[in-house]
Amino acid sequence: MLLLKVVGLGVLFVAAVLFVAGGGESVGTWWRKRTRTYGSWIVDEFDAMFEAITIERAQNFITGMTVGGALIGFLLGSALASRVFFALFLAGMGYFIPRVFVLWRRHQRLDRIDDQLVDALRLMSNGLKAGLSLQQALELAVRETKPPIADELARVVKEIHLGRLMDDALRRFAERVPLEDVRIVVDSILTLRETGGNLSETFDVVANTIVERKKVSGKIKSMTAQGMTQGFIMCLMPPGMLLLFSFIDPTYTAPLFNTILGWVILAIITALDLMGLWAMLKLVKIDV
């Protein structure tokens, strides 16, 4: 029986790949067009993070996650209806996994830049106190800091060398790195360049403000961590119990997959589950 399942999965996988890759198939053409748009977004996001990836590799990643999710879902079910349901559900999840992965990588990169920003500001402040210009202070920060903030500051310096105005280069830096602290720094620099003032002292004040705000944010995260954990556990319980009962007694959950009423109930449960997760995350999120 297990051998038949493995053989069936292999045949299904090959058929799915040939179906998607088929040049004359309208669905295959639509899928390649869809994944090319999706893949272009992934390539642009990785390019913004100074990482290279080809669009073909991105398309293969999307297709592989989608087909892999469908195969895993097909294995989970017992009856044909449940197999189709799980296959479609996990295929949809697999399709969005690359987007979630890219957004997670971007979020991690922004967090690293936020952590490095204070050191970069203090380096620039010391450079200004030593008599360097703002551009020279930026170049000092590029040399002494590590990626990813060094890459972003290097792009600012490169744009200035290519003839872009410093104000425009700094505004583009704030657009590429959508962090509140970066926006405050850029606005402070632009304001002082217009009105005059002690830029090195401003850098020190902004750096100290960022440090104090991080302390407050850390305390808030530790206080709300329990609520977020409870929210995720509560939202994972319905699908987890469904999978558990499907393995224990498939006939017990069969009406959910074999009847129209069961499909409606599953749709309502999914919607309510997602709404509960959204409400929980909203309640525990506090802006500092």
C-alpha atoms as a PDB file:
ATOM      1  CA  MET A   1       0.000   0.000   0.000  1.00  0.00           C
ATOM      2  CA  LEU A   2       2.791   2.393   0.903  1.00  0.00           C
ATOM      3  CA  LEU A   3       4.610   1.520  -2.323  1.00  0.00           C
ATOM      4  CA  LEU A   4       1.501   2.315  -4.336  1.00  0.00           C
ATOM      5  CA  LYS A   5       1.217   5.696  -2.631  1.00  0.00           C
ATOM      6  CA  VAL A   6       4.843   6.520  -3.367  1.00  0.00           C
ATOM      7  CA  VAL A   7       4.470   5.490  -7.012  1.00  0.00           C
ATOM      8  CA  GLY A   8       1.247   7.457  -7.290  1.00  0.00           C
ATOM      9  CA  LEU A   9       2.911  10.528  -5.829  1.00  0.00           C
ATOM     10  CA  GLY A  10       5.798  10.208  -8.257  1.00  0.00           C
ATOM     11  CA  VAL A  11       3.443   9.970 -11.215  1.00  0.00           C
ATOM     12  CA  LEU A  12       1.419  12.921  -9.913  1.00  0.00           C
ATOM     13  CA  PHE A  13       4.543  15.019  -9.443  1.00  0.00           C
ATOM     14  CA  VAL A  14       5.825  14.303 -12.949  1.00  0.00           C
ATOM     15  CA  ALA A  15       2.392  14.986 -14.415  1.00  0.00           C
ATOM     16  CA  ALA A  16       2.151  18.292 -12.547  1.00  0.00           C
ATOM     17  CA  VAL A  17       5.586  19.418 -13.733  1.00  0.00           C
ATOM     18  CA  LEU A  18       4.854  18.448 -17.329  1.00  0.00           C
ATOM     19  CA  PHE A  19       1.460  20.121 -17.138  1.00  0.00           C
ATOM     20  CA  VAL A  20       2.868  23.391 -15.830  1.00  0.00           C
ATOM     21  CA  ALA A  21       5.852  23.328 -18.171  1.00  0.00           C
ATOM     22  CA  GLY A  22       3.872  22.359 -21.244  1.00  0.00           C
ATOM     23  CA  GLY A  23       4.400  24.990 -23.922  1.00  0.00           C
ATOM     24  CA  GLY A  24       1.072  24.541 -25.639  1.00  0.00           C
ATOM     25  CA  GLU A  25      -1.091  24.433 -22.540  1.00  0.00           C
ATOM     26  CA  SER A  26      -3.014  27.595 -21.712  1.00  0.00           C
ATOM     27  CA  VAL A  27      -2.764  26.906 -17.996  1.00  0.00           C
ATOM     28  CA  GLY A  28       0.975  26.381 -18.298  1.00  0.00           C
ATOM     29  CA  THR A  29       1.306  29.679 -20.146  1.00  0.00           C
ATOM     30  CA  TRP A  30      -0.762  31.457 -17.495  1.00  0.00           C
ATOM     31  CA  TRP A  31       1.304  29.888 -14.732  1.00  0.00           C
ATOM     32  CA  ARG A  32       4.610  30.961 -16.283  1.00  0.00           C
ATOM     33  CA  LYS A  33       3.297  34.492 -16.735  1.00  0.00           C
ATOM     34  CA  ARG A  34       2.018  34.564 -13.172  1.00  0.00           C
ATOM     35  CA  THR A  35       5.233  33.212 -11.681  1.00  0.00           C
ATOM     36  CA  ARG A  36       7.295  35.593 -13.818  1.00  0.00           C
ATOM     37  CA  THR A  37       5.502  38.593 -12.281  1.00  0.00           C
ATOM     38  CA  TYR A  38       5.862  37.052  -8.848  1.00  0.00           C
ATOM     39  CA  GLY A  39       9.491  36.171  -9.528  1.00  0.00           C
ATOM     40  CA  SER A  40      10.255  39.702 -10.741  1.00  0.00           C
ATOM     41  CA  TRP A  41       9.057  41.037  -7.407  1.00  0.00           C
ATOM     42  CA  ILE A  42      11.329  38.574  -5.591  1.00  0.00           C
ATOM     43  CA  VAL A  43      14.296  39.580  -7.762  1.00  0.00           C
ATOM     44  CA  ASP A  44      13.652  43.285  -7.056  1.00  0.00           C
ATOM     45  CA  GLU A  45      13.397  42.662  -3.311  1.00  0.00           C
ATOM     46  CA  PHE A  46      16.649  40.688  -3.255  1.00  0.00           C
ATOM     47  CA  ASP A  47      18.328  43.356  -5.371  1.00  0.00           C
ATOM     48  CA  ALA A  48      17.279  45.978  -2.807  1.00  0.00           C
ATOM     49  CA  MET A  49      18.952  43.786  -0.158  1.00  0.00           C
ATOM     50  CA  PHE A  50      22.159  43.625  -2.266  1.00  0.00           C
ATOM     51  CA  GLU A  51      21.629  39.928  -3.015  1.00  0.00           C
ATOM     52  CA  ALA A  52      21.498  38.438  -6.496  1.00  0.00           C
ATOM     53  CA  ILE A  53      18.937  35.899  -7.684  1.00  0.00           C
ATOM     54  CA  THR A  54      17.788  35.065 -11.195  1.00  0.00           C
ATOM     55  CA  ILE A  55      14.138  35.207 -12.189  1.00  0.00           C
ATOM     56  CA  GLU A  56      14.292  31.576 -13.356  1.00  0.00           C
ATOM     57  CA  ARG A  57      15.458  30.483  -9.907  1.00  0.00           C
ATOM     58  CA  ALA A  58      12.666  32.479  -8.301  1.00  0.00           C
ATOM     59  CA  GLN A  59      10.095  30.871 -10.611  1.00  0.00           C
ATOM     60  CA  ASN A  60      11.414  27.398  -9.821  1.00  0.00           C
ATOM     61  CA  PHE A  61      11.202  28.184  -6.108  1.00  0.00           C
ATOM     62  CA  ILE A  62       7.559  29.272  -6.436  1.00  0.00           C
ATOM     63  CA  THR A  63       6.605  26.256  -8.545  1.00  0.00           C
ATOM     64  CA  GLY A  64       8.447  23.825  -6.283  1.00  0.00           C
ATOM     65  CA  MET A  65       6.778  25.131  -3.115  1.00  0.00           C
ATOM     66  CA  THR A  66       3.328  25.063  -4.738  1.00  0.00           C
ATOM     67  CA  VAL A  67       3.653  21.552  -6.170  1.00  0.00           C
ATOM     68  CA  GLY A  68       5.325  20.298  -2.984  1.00  0.00           C
ATOM     69  CA  GLY A  69       2.463  21.649  -0.880  1.00  0.00           C
ATOM     70  CA  ALA A  70      -0.060  19.954  -3.152  1.00  0.00           C
ATOM     71  CA  LEU A  71       1.727  16.612  -2.868  1.00  0.00           C
ATOM     72  CA  ILE A  72       1.945  16.819   0.922  1.00  0.00           C
ATOM     73  CA  GLY A  73      -1.741  17.733   1.099  1.00  0.00           C
ATOM     74  CA  PHE A  74      -2.616  14.806  -1.139  1.00  0.00           C
ATOM     75  CA  LEU A  75      -0.861  12.482   1.306  1.00  0.00           C
ATOM     76  CA  LEU A  76      -2.664  13.852   4.362  1.00  0.00           C
ATOM     77  CA  GLY A  77      -6.192  13.005   3.306  1.00  0.00           C
ATOM     78  CA  SER A  78      -7.914   9.653   3.373  1.00  0.00           C
ATOM     79  CA  ALA A  79     -10.911  10.043   1.077  1.00  0.00           C
ATOM     80  CA  LEU A  80     -10.624  11.666  -2.339  1.00  0.00           C
ATOM     81  CA  ALA A  81     -12.474  14.808  -1.236  1.00  0.00           C
ATOM     82  CA  SER A  82     -10.210  15.334   1.770  1.00  0.00           C
ATOM     83  CA  ARG A  83      -7.125  14.727  -0.369  1.00  0.00           C
ATOM     84  CA  VAL A  84      -8.263  17.371  -2.867  1.00  0.00           C
ATOM     85  CA  PHE A  85      -9.055  19.802  -0.052  1.00  0.00           C
ATOM     86  CA  PHE A  86      -5.686  19.412   1.664  1.00  0.00           C
ATOM     87  CA  ALA A  87      -3.868  19.481  -1.681  1.00  0.00           C
ATOM     88  CA  LEU A  88      -5.491  22.780  -2.699  1.00  0.00           C
ATOM     89  CA  PHE A  89      -5.069  24.273   0.783  1.00  0.00           C
ATOM     90  CA  LEU A  90      -1.381  23.425   1.116  1.00  0.00           C
ATOM     91  CA  ALA A  91      -0.707  24.347  -2.512  1.00  0.00           C
ATOM     92  CA  GLY A  92      -2.090  27.817  -1.758  1.00  0.00           C
ATOM     93  CA  MET A  93       0.084  28.026   1.336  1.00  0.00           C
ATOM     94  CA  GLY A  94       3.099  26.878  -0.659  1.00  0.00           C
ATOM     95  CA  TYR A  95       2.450  29.550  -3.266  1.00  0.00           C
ATOM     96  CA  PHE A  96       2.652  32.300  -0.634  1.00  0.00           C
ATOM     97  CA  ILE A  97       5.643  30.859   1.251  1.00  0.00           C
ATOM     98  CA  PRO A  98       8.205  32.614  -1.032  1.00  0.00           C
ATOM     99  CA  ARG A  99       6.514  35.963  -0.359  1.00  0.00           C
ATOM    100  CA  VAL A 100       6.531  35.335   3.386  1.00  0.00           C
ATOM    101  CA  PHE A 101      10.186  34.281   3.190  1.00  0.00           C
ATOM    102  CA  VAL A 102      11.202  37.435   1.301  1.00  0.00           C
ATOM    103  CA  LEU A 103       9.273  39.695   3.692  1.00  0.00           C
ATOM    104  CA  TRP A 104      10.884  37.886   6.636  1.00  0.00           C
ATOM    105  CA  ARG A 105      14.366  38.405   5.157  1.00  0.00           C
ATOM    106  CA  ARG A 106      13.571  42.063   4.568  1.00  0.00           C
ATOM    107  CA  HIS A 107      12.296  42.467   8.130  1.00  0.00           C
ATOM    108  CA  GLN A 108      15.441  40.819   9.493  1.00  0.00           C
ATOM    109  CA  ARG A 109      17.607  43.150   7.433  1.00  0.00           C
ATOM    110  CA  LEU A 110      15.746  46.236   8.649  1.00  0.00           C
ATOM    111  CA  ASP A 111      16.173  45.048  12.236  1.00  0.00           C
ATOM    112  CA  ARG A 112      19.930  44.717  11.717  1.00  0.00           C
ATOM    113  CA  ILE A 113      20.088  48.208  10.208  1.00  0.00           C
ATOM    114  CA  ASP A 114      18.129  49.556  13.170  1.00  0.00           C
ATOM    115  CA  ASP A 115      20.602  47.931  15.554  1.00  0.00           C
ATOM    116  CA  GLN A 116      23.603  49.359  13.679  1.00  0.00           C
ATOM    117  CA  LEU A 117      22.196  52.857  13.301  1.00  0.00           C
ATOM    118  CA  VAL A 118      23.339  54.102  16.726  1.00  0.00           C
ATOM    119  CA  ASP A 119      26.962  53.061  16.106  1.00  0.00           C
ATOM    120  CA  ALA A 120      26.903  54.701  12.676  1.00  0.00           C
ATOM    121  CA  LEU A 121      25.524  57.954  14.123  1.00  0.00           C
ATOM    122  CA  ARG A 122      28.182  58.069  16.819  1.00  0.00           C
ATOM    123  CA  LEU A 123      30.909  57.407  14.243  1.00  0.00           C
ATOM    124  CA  MET A 124      29.602  60.244  12.102  1.00  0.00           C
ATOM    125  CA  SER A 125      29.323  62.509  15.141  1.00  0.00           C
ATOM    126  CA  ASN A 126      32.956  61.842  16.094  1.00  0.00           C
ATOM    127  CA  GLY A 127      34.010  62.462  12.507  1.00  0.00           C
ATOM    128  CA  LEU A 128      32.218  65.811  12.434  1.00  0.00           C
ATOM    129  CA  LYS A 129      33.823  66.796  15.742  1.00  0.00           C
ATOM    130  CA  ALA A 130      37.219  65.956  14.216  1.00  0.00           C
ATOM    131  CA  GLY A 131      36.571  68.423  11.393  1.00  0.00           C
ATOM    132  CA  LEU A 132      35.227  66.167   8.655  1.00  0.00           C
ATOM    133  CA  SER A 133      32.432  67.244   6.349  1.00  0.00           C
ATOM    134  CA  LEU A 134      29.123  65.404   6.288  1.00  0.00           C
ATOM    135  CA  GLN A 135      30.093  63.509   3.143  1.00  0.00           C
ATOM    136  CA  GLN A 136      33.428  62.511   4.669  1.00  0.00           C
ATOM    137  CA  ALA A 137      31.609  61.421   7.835  1.00  0.00           C
ATOM    138  CA  LEU A 138      29.346  59.221   5.697  1.00  0.00           C
ATOM    139  CA  GLU A 139      32.406  57.684   4.020  1.00  0.00           C
ATOM    140  CA  LEU A 140      33.920  57.055   7.459  1.00  0.00           C
ATOM    141  CA  ALA A 141      30.753  55.236   8.535  1.00  0.00           C
ATOM    142  CA  VAL A 142      30.873  53.122   5.349  1.00  0.00           C
ATOM    143  CA  ARG A 143      34.437  52.042   6.101  1.00  0.00           C
ATOM    144  CA  GLU A 144      33.978  51.349   9.805  1.00  0.00           C
ATOM    145  CA  THR A 145      30.532  49.715   9.892  1.00  0.00           C
ATOM    146  CA  LYS A 146      29.405  46.328   8.608  1.00  0.00           C
ATOM    147  CA  PRO A 147      26.617  45.366   6.201  1.00  0.00           C
ATOM    148  CA  PRO A 148      23.749  45.894   5.832  1.00  0.00           C
ATOM    149  CA  ILE A 149      23.956  49.530   6.979  1.00  0.00           C
ATOM    150  CA  ALA A 150      27.361  49.897   5.314  1.00  0.00           C
ATOM    151  CA  ASP A 151      25.779  48.892   1.979  1.00  0.00           C
ATOM    152  CA  GLU A 152      23.002  51.469   2.324  1.00  0.00           C
ATOM    153  CA  LEU A 153      25.378  54.277   3.318  1.00  0.00           C
ATOM    154  CA  ALA A 154      27.725  53.265   0.495  1.00  0.00           C
ATOM    155  CA  ARG A 155      24.841  53.687  -1.945  1.00  0.00           C
ATOM    156  CA  VAL A 156      24.219  57.180  -0.558  1.00  0.00           C
ATOM    157  CA  VAL A 157      27.885  58.089  -1.020  1.00  0.00           C
ATOM    158  CA  LYS A 158      27.946  56.593  -4.523  1.00  0.00           C
ATOM    159  CA  GLU A 159      24.885  58.588  -5.577  1.00  0.00           C
ATOM    160  CA  ILE A 160      26.536  61.785  -4.306  1.00  0.00           C
ATOM    161  CA  HIS A 161      29.714  60.973  -6.258  1.00  0.00           C
ATOM    162  CA  LEU A 162      27.617  60.438  -9.394  1.00  0.00           C
ATOM    163  CA  GLY A 163      26.178  63.937  -9.110  1.00  0.00           C
ATOM    164  CA  ARG A 164      22.982  63.539  -7.089  1.00  0.00           C
ATOM    165  CA  LEU A 165      22.336  66.220  -4.491  1.00  0.00           C
ATOM    166  CA  MET A 166      23.030  65.100  -0.937  1.00  0.00           C
ATOM    167  CA  ASP A 167      19.501  65.988   0.162  1.00  0.00           C
ATOM    168  CA  ASP A 168      18.009  63.820  -2.579  1.00  0.00           C
ATOM    169  CA  ALA A 169      20.370  60.929  -1.781  1.00  0.00           C
ATOM    170  CA  LEU A 170      19.392  61.079   1.882  1.00  0.00           C
ATOM    171  CA  ARG A 171      15.685  61.150   1.015  1.00  0.00           C
ATOM    172  CA  ARG A 172      16.145  58.076  -1.168  1.00  0.00           C
ATOM    173  CA  PHE A 173      17.945  56.398   1.731  1.00  0.00           C
ATOM    174  CA  ALA A 174      14.918  57.053   3.975  1.00  0.00           C
ATOM    175  CA  GLU A 175      12.618  55.609   1.274  1.00  0.00           C
ATOM    176  CA  ARG A 176      14.711  52.439   0.865  1.00  0.00           C
ATOM    177  CA  VAL A 177      14.936  51.892   4.623  1.00  0.00           C
ATOM    178  CA  PRO A 178      11.434  52.590   5.994  1.00  0.00           C
ATOM    179  CA  LEU A 179      12.421  52.854   9.664  1.00  0.00           C
ATOM    180  CA  GLU A 180      11.199  55.546  12.020  1.00  0.00           C
ATOM    181  CA  ASP A 181      14.700  56.143  13.385  1.00  0.00           C
ATOM    182  CA  VAL A 182      16.156  56.558   9.882  1.00  0.00           C
ATOM    183  CA  ARG A 183      13.407  59.032   9.003  1.00  0.00           C
ATOM    184  CA  ILE A 184      14.197  61.064  12.141  1.00  0.00           C
ATOM    185  CA  VAL A 185      17.904  61.108  11.288  1.00  0.00           C
ATOM    186  CA  VAL A 186      17.331  62.165   7.680  1.00  0.00           C
ATOM    187  CA  ASP A 187      14.807  64.855   8.663  1.00  0.00           C
ATOM    188  CA  SER A 188      17.254  66.191  11.247  1.00  0.00           C
ATOM    189  CA  ILE A 189      20.073  66.376   8.703  1.00  0.00           C
ATOM    190  CA  LEU A 190      17.899  68.085   6.083  1.00  0.00           C
ATOM    191  CA  THR A 191      16.537  70.603   8.596  1.00  0.00           C
ATOM    192  CA  LEU A 192      19.975  71.502   9.947  1.00  0.00           C
ATOM    193  CA  ARG A 193      21.404  71.862   6.444  1.00  0.00           C
ATOM    194  CA  GLU A 194      18.721  74.472   5.732  1.00  0.00           C
ATOM    195  CA  THR A 195      18.647  76.315   9.074  1.00  0.00           C
ATOM    196  CA  GLY A 196      22.151  75.702  10.405  1.00  0.00           C
ATOM    197  CA  GLY A 197      23.155  74.133  13.708  1.00  0.00           C
ATOM    198  CA  ASN A 198      25.468  71.668  15.397  1.00  0.00           C
ATOM    199  CA  LEU A 199      25.050  68.471  13.415  1.00  0.00           C
ATOM    200  CA  SER A 200      27.375  66.362  15.587  1.00  0.00           C
ATOM    201  CA  GLU A 201      25.424  67.287  18.722  1.00  0.00           C
ATOM    202  CA  THR A 202      22.179  66.400  16.937  1.00  0.00           C
ATOM    203  CA  PHE A 203      23.586  62.986  16.024  1.00  0.00           C
ATOM    204  CA  ASP A 204      24.443  62.360  19.682  1.00  0.00           C
ATOM    205  CA  VAL A 205      20.964  63.398  20.831  1.00  0.00           C
ATOM    206  CA  VAL A 206      19.248  61.223  18.216  1.00  0.00           C
ATOM    207  CA  ALA A 207      21.489  58.246  19.081  1.00  0.00           C
ATOM    208  CA  ASN A 208      20.682  58.569  22.796  1.00  0.00           C
ATOM    209  CA  THR A 209      16.966  58.888  21.988  1.00  0.00           C
ATOM    210  CA  ILE A 210      17.081  55.718  19.881  1.00  0.00           C
ATOM    211  CA  VAL A 211      18.831  53.821  22.683  1.00  0.00           C
ATOM    212  CA  GLU A 212      16.229  54.874  25.266  1.00  0.00           C
ATOM    213  CA  ARG A 213      13.362  54.010  22.946  1.00  0.00           C
ATOM    214  CA  LYS A 214      14.839  50.568  22.314  1.00  0.00           C
ATOM    215  CA  LYS A 215      14.891  49.968  26.071  1.00  0.00           C
ATOM    216  CA  VAL A 216      11.204  50.833  26.301  1.00  0.00           C
ATOM    217  CA  SER A 217      10.392  48.709  23.246  1.00  0.00           C
ATOM    218  CA  GLY A 218      12.235  45.742  24.756  1.00  0.00           C
ATOM    219  CA  LYS A 219      10.212  45.983  27.957  1.00  0.00           C
ATOM    220  CA  ILE A 220       6.955  46.174  25.997  1.00  0.00           C
ATOM    221  CA  LYS A 221       7.894  43.145  23.872  1.00  0.00           C
ATOM    222  CA  SER A 222       8.698  41.086  26.965  1.00  0.00           C
ATOM    223  CA  MET A 223       5.349  42.059  28.515  1.00  0.00           C
ATOM    224  CA  THR A 224       3.323  41.244  25.377  1.00  0.00           C
ATOM    225  CA  ALA A 225       5.200  38.065  24.400  1.00  0.00           C
ATOM    226  CA  GLN A 226       2.829  35.880  26.412  1.00  0.00           C
ATOM    227  CA  GLY A 227      -0.234  37.361  24.700  1.00  0.00           C
ATOM    228  CA  MET A 228       1.258  36.816  21.238  1.00  0.00           C
ATOM    229  CA  THR A 229       2.187  33.221  22.077  1.00  0.00           C
ATOM    230  CA  GLN A 230      -1.315  32.509  23.349  1.00  0.00           C
ATOM    231  CA  GLY A 231      -2.809  34.046  20.208  1.00  0.00           C
ATOM    232  CA  PHE A 232      -0.732  31.873  17.887  1.00  0.00           C
ATOM    233  CA  ILE A 233      -1.480  28.724  19.887  1.00  0.00           C
ATOM    234  CA  MET A 234      -5.217  29.417  19.890  1.00  0.00           C
ATOM    235  CA  CYS A 235      -5.219  30.026  16.138  1.00  0.00           C
ATOM    236  CA  LEU A 236      -3.221  26.872  15.423  1.00  0.00           C
ATOM    237  CA  MET A 237      -5.513  24.662  17.495  1.00  0.00           C
ATOM    238  CA  PRO A 238      -8.408  24.339  14.962  1.00  0.00           C
ATOM    239  CA  PRO A 239      -6.268  23.149  12.020  1.00  0.00           C
ATOM    240  CA  GLY A 240      -4.183  21.032  14.391  1.00  0.00           C
ATOM    241  CA  MET A 241      -7.260  19.304  15.833  1.00  0.00           C
ATOM    242  CA  LEU A 242      -8.638  18.795  12.323  1.00  0.00           C
ATOM    243  CA  LEU A 243      -5.442  17.026  11.233  1.00  0.00           C
ATOM    244  CA  LEU A 244      -5.388  14.985  14.444  1.00  0.00           C
ATOM    245  CA  PHE A 245      -8.961  13.736  14.042  1.00  0.00           C
ATOM    246  CA  SER A 246      -8.349  13.066  10.340  1.00  0.00           C
ATOM    247  CA  PHE A 247      -5.570  10.651  11.285  1.00  0.00           C
ATOM    248  CA  ILE A 248      -7.393   9.085  14.250  1.00  0.00           C
ATOM    249  CA  ASP A 249     -10.765   8.538  12.577  1.00  0.00           C
ATOM    250  CA  PRO A 250     -11.138   9.764   8.979  1.00  0.00           C
ATOM    251  CA  THR A 251     -14.875   9.026   8.976  1.00  0.00           C
ATOM    252  CA  TYR A 252     -15.333  11.514  11.825  1.00  0.00           C
ATOM    253  CA  THR A 253     -14.145  14.469   9.706  1.00  0.00           C
ATOM    254  CA  ALA A 254     -15.353  13.150   6.337  1.00  0.00           C
ATOM    255  CA  PRO A 255     -18.587  15.265   6.305  1.00  0.00           C
ATOM    256  CA  LEU A 256     -16.456  18.421   6.413  1.00  0.00           C
ATOM    257  CA  PHE A 257     -14.910  17.487   3.058  1.00  0.00           C
ATOM    258  CA  ASN A 258     -17.687  15.545   1.360  1.00  0.00           C
ATOM    259  CA  THR A 259     -20.594  17.962   1.760  1.00  0.00           C
ATOM    260  CA  ILE A 260     -21.266  21.543   0.752  1.00  0.00           C
ATOM    261  CA  LEU A 261     -22.221  22.378   4.343  1.00  0.00           C
ATOM    262  CA  GLY A 262     -18.856  21.048   5.499  1.00  0.00           C
ATOM    263  CA  TRP A 263     -17.031  23.289   3.012  1.00  0.00           C
ATOM    264  CA  VAL A 264     -19.006  26.287   4.250  1.00  0.00           C
ATOM    265  CA  ILE A 265     -18.138  25.426   7.847  1.00  0.00           C
ATOM    266  CA  LEU A 266     -14.450  25.115   6.966  1.00  0.00           C
ATOM    267  CA  ALA A 267     -14.525  28.499   5.218  1.00  0.00           C
ATOM    268  CA  ILE A 268     -16.209  30.140   8.227  1.00  0.00           C
ATOM    269  CA  ILE A 269     -13.734  28.550  10.649  1.00  0.00           C
ATOM    270  CA  THR A 270     -10.781  29.743   8.544  1.00  0.00           C
ATOM    271  CA  ALA A 271     -12.152  33.292   8.338  1.00  0.00           C
ATOM    272  CA  LEU A 272     -12.863  33.466  12.081  1.00  0.00           C
ATOM    273  CA  ASP A 273      -9.454  31.997  12.881  1.00  0.00           C
ATOM    274  CA  LEU A 274      -7.668  34.614  10.780  1.00  0.00           C
ATOM    275  CA  MET A 275      -9.797  37.404  12.241  1.00  0.00           C
ATOM    276  CA  GLY A 276      -8.952  36.230  15.761  1.00  0.00           C
ATOM    277  CA  LEU A 277      -5.226  36.181  14.945  1.00  0.00           C
ATOM    278  CA  TRP A 278      -5.427  39.682  13.471  1.00  0.00           C
ATOM    279  CA  ALA A 279      -7.317  41.015  16.517  1.00  0.00           C
ATOM    280  CA  MET A 280      -4.838  39.407  18.927  1.00  0.00           C
ATOM    281  CA  LEU A 281      -1.840  40.912  17.124  1.00  0.00           C
ATOM    282  CA  LYS A 282      -3.531  44.317  17.111  1.00  0.00           C
ATOM    283  CA  LEU A 283      -4.210  44.163  20.844  1.00  0.00           C
ATOM    284  CA  VAL A 284      -0.642  43.312  21.824  1.00  0.00           C
ATOM    285  CA  LYS A 285       1.033  45.732  19.403  1.00  0.00           C
ATOM    286  CA  ILE A 286       2.001  48.986  21.096  1.00  0.00           C
ATOM    287  CA  ASP A 287       3.760  51.767  19.199  1.00  0.00           C
ATOM    288  CA  VAL A 288       6.531  53.586  21.029  1.00  0.00           C
END
